[in-house]
Amino acid sequence: MGVNTQEDERDILLAALAEHRAVPLEHLDDEEATLLPLAAEHSTEREGASLGDHLVKNTPERTLLTVFGAVLEDANPAERALVLSGPAPVRVI
């Protein structure tokens, strides 16, 4: 068997990363289609806000920045404007 070239190693890494990315995306798509409608139907706005407060208080700042970026990346223009119109700490993050 031959030695892997840098291109071979790159292709192996890219394939592994693509597979790794597919698993959480499938989970998140399912969560968005199934869980979020149920949560909206069976919980109050105050309960939803308390989950957000818990996330902010219990998540390292660097992780919050990543999550915030991911939210903005997937948001449509109206959602993005809503998020960015939030309190100053949200805008600063």
C-alpha atoms as a PDB file:
ATOM      1  CA  MET A   1       0.000   0.000   0.000  1.00  0.00           C
ATOM      2  CA  GLY A   2       1.318   3.461  -0.940  1.00  0.00           C
ATOM      3  CA  VAL A   3       2.058   6.465   1.197  1.00  0.00           C
ATOM      4  CA  ASN A   4      -0.723   9.021   1.584  1.00  0.00           C
ATOM      5  CA  THR A   5      -0.007  12.329  -0.075  1.00  0.00           C
ATOM      6  CA  GLN A   6      -0.982  15.624   1.516  1.00  0.00           C
ATOM      7  CA  GLU A   7      -3.922  15.744  -0.869  1.00  0.00           C
ATOM      8  CA  ASP A   8      -5.028  12.260   0.230  1.00  0.00           C
ATOM      9  CA  GLU A   9      -4.778  13.282   3.868  1.00  0.00           C
ATOM     10  CA  ARG A  10      -6.702  16.477   3.133  1.00  0.00           C
ATOM     11  CA  ASP A  11      -9.460  14.516   1.394  1.00  0.00           C
ATOM     12  CA  ILE A  12      -9.656  12.043   4.283  1.00  0.00           C
ATOM     13  CA  LEU A  13      -9.921  14.907   6.770  1.00  0.00           C
ATOM     14  CA  LEU A  14     -12.569  16.718   4.706  1.00  0.00           C
ATOM     15  CA  ALA A  15     -14.653  13.550   4.426  1.00  0.00           C
ATOM     16  CA  ALA A  16     -14.427  12.984   8.199  1.00  0.00           C
ATOM     17  CA  LEU A  17     -15.394  16.596   8.924  1.00  0.00           C
ATOM     18  CA  ALA A  18     -18.345  16.430   6.518  1.00  0.00           C
ATOM     19  CA  GLU A  19     -19.581  13.250   8.193  1.00  0.00           C
ATOM     20  CA  HIS A  20     -19.046  14.776  11.643  1.00  0.00           C
ATOM     21  CA  ARG A  21     -21.033  17.878  10.617  1.00  0.00           C
ATOM     22  CA  ALA A  22     -23.921  15.830   9.220  1.00  0.00           C
ATOM     23  CA  VAL A  23     -24.782  14.229  12.566  1.00  0.00           C
ATOM     24  CA  PRO A  24     -25.541  17.413  14.542  1.00  0.00           C
ATOM     25  CA  LEU A  25     -27.250  18.992  11.523  1.00  0.00           C
ATOM     26  CA  GLU A  26     -29.642  16.052  11.300  1.00  0.00           C
ATOM     27  CA  HIS A  27     -30.302  16.326  15.024  1.00  0.00           C
ATOM     28  CA  LEU A  28     -30.885  20.082  14.849  1.00  0.00           C
ATOM     29  CA  ASP A  29     -33.192  19.775  11.842  1.00  0.00           C
ATOM     30  CA  ASP A  30     -35.247  17.186  13.708  1.00  0.00           C
ATOM     31  CA  GLU A  31     -35.267  19.324  16.842  1.00  0.00           C
ATOM     32  CA  GLU A  32     -36.424  22.372  14.894  1.00  0.00           C
ATOM     33  CA  ALA A  33     -39.197  20.452  13.128  1.00  0.00           C
ATOM     34  CA  THR A  34     -40.409  18.461  16.153  1.00  0.00           C
ATOM     35  CA  LEU A  35     -39.354  19.964  19.473  1.00  0.00           C
ATOM     36  CA  LEU A  36     -39.695  23.690  18.857  1.00  0.00           C
ATOM     37  CA  PRO A  37     -43.352  23.548  17.783  1.00  0.00           C
ATOM     38  CA  LEU A  38     -44.140  21.454  20.874  1.00  0.00           C
ATOM     39  CA  ALA A  39     -42.245  23.859  23.120  1.00  0.00           C
ATOM     40  CA  ALA A  40     -44.090  26.828  21.616  1.00  0.00           C
ATOM     41  CA  GLU A  41     -47.421  25.083  22.194  1.00  0.00           C
ATOM     42  CA  HIS A  42     -46.770  23.860  25.733  1.00  0.00           C
ATOM     43  CA  SER A  43     -44.571  26.486  27.376  1.00  0.00           C
ATOM     44  CA  THR A  44     -44.943  30.148  28.185  1.00  0.00           C
ATOM     45  CA  GLU A  45     -42.798  32.976  26.892  1.00  0.00           C
ATOM     46  CA  ARG A  46     -41.449  33.401  30.428  1.00  0.00           C
ATOM     47  CA  GLU A  47     -40.390  29.741  30.563  1.00  0.00           C
ATOM     48  CA  GLY A  48     -38.641  30.121  27.215  1.00  0.00           C
ATOM     49  CA  ALA A  49     -36.825  33.217  28.430  1.00  0.00           C
ATOM     50  CA  SER A  50     -35.663  31.365  31.545  1.00  0.00           C
ATOM     51  CA  LEU A  51     -34.002  28.764  29.301  1.00  0.00           C
ATOM     52  CA  GLY A  52     -32.137  31.542  27.519  1.00  0.00           C
ATOM     53  CA  ASP A  53     -31.084  33.043  30.846  1.00  0.00           C
ATOM     54  CA  HIS A  54     -29.853  29.623  31.996  1.00  0.00           C
ATOM     55  CA  LEU A  55     -27.862  29.200  28.770  1.00  0.00           C
ATOM     56  CA  VAL A  56     -26.174  32.582  29.148  1.00  0.00           C
ATOM     57  CA  LYS A  57     -25.355  32.089  32.835  1.00  0.00           C
ATOM     58  CA  ASN A  58     -23.983  28.558  32.398  1.00  0.00           C
ATOM     59  CA  THR A  59     -22.121  28.704  29.099  1.00  0.00           C
ATOM     60  CA  PRO A  60     -18.532  29.927  28.694  1.00  0.00           C
ATOM     61  CA  GLU A  61     -18.346  33.277  26.894  1.00  0.00           C
ATOM     62  CA  ARG A  62     -16.327  31.880  23.991  1.00  0.00           C
ATOM     63  CA  THR A  63     -18.980  29.224  23.407  1.00  0.00           C
ATOM     64  CA  LEU A  64     -21.723  31.853  23.549  1.00  0.00           C
ATOM     65  CA  LEU A  65     -19.943  33.806  20.824  1.00  0.00           C
ATOM     66  CA  THR A  66     -19.926  30.709  18.624  1.00  0.00           C
ATOM     67  CA  VAL A  67     -23.611  30.022  19.315  1.00  0.00           C
ATOM     68  CA  PHE A  68     -24.503  33.658  18.637  1.00  0.00           C
ATOM     69  CA  GLY A  69     -22.650  33.548  15.324  1.00  0.00           C
ATOM     70  CA  ALA A  70     -24.412  30.333  14.335  1.00  0.00           C
ATOM     71  CA  VAL A  71     -27.796  31.857  15.164  1.00  0.00           C
ATOM     72  CA  LEU A  72     -27.056  34.918  13.052  1.00  0.00           C
ATOM     73  CA  GLU A  73     -25.737  32.795  10.197  1.00  0.00           C
ATOM     74  CA  ASP A  74     -28.963  30.790   9.930  1.00  0.00           C
ATOM     75  CA  ALA A  75     -31.332  33.674  10.651  1.00  0.00           C
ATOM     76  CA  ASN A  76     -33.365  35.286   7.918  1.00  0.00           C
ATOM     77  CA  PRO A  77     -33.109  39.106   7.644  1.00  0.00           C
ATOM     78  CA  ALA A  78     -36.098  39.727   9.939  1.00  0.00           C
ATOM     79  CA  GLU A  79     -34.794  37.314  12.598  1.00  0.00           C
ATOM     80  CA  ARG A  80     -31.315  38.815  12.363  1.00  0.00           C
ATOM     81  CA  ALA A  81     -32.718  42.343  12.823  1.00  0.00           C
ATOM     82  CA  LEU A  82     -34.740  41.169  15.825  1.00  0.00           C
ATOM     83  CA  VAL A  83     -31.712  39.573  17.500  1.00  0.00           C
ATOM     84  CA  LEU A  84     -29.485  42.583  16.818  1.00  0.00           C
ATOM     85  CA  SER A  85     -32.117  44.976  18.174  1.00  0.00           C
ATOM     86  CA  GLY A  86     -31.904  43.271  21.560  1.00  0.00           C
ATOM     87  CA  PRO A  87     -30.343  44.657  24.730  1.00  0.00           C
ATOM     88  CA  ALA A  88     -26.836  46.102  24.456  1.00  0.00           C
ATOM     89  CA  PRO A  89     -25.122  43.043  25.997  1.00  0.00           C
ATOM     90  CA  VAL A  90     -26.487  40.925  23.174  1.00  0.00           C
ATOM     91  CA  ARG A  91     -25.275  43.362  20.549  1.00  0.00           C
ATOM     92  CA  VAL A  92     -21.828  43.582  22.180  1.00  0.00           C
ATOM     93  CA  ILE A  93     -21.359  39.827  22.382  1.00  0.00           C
END
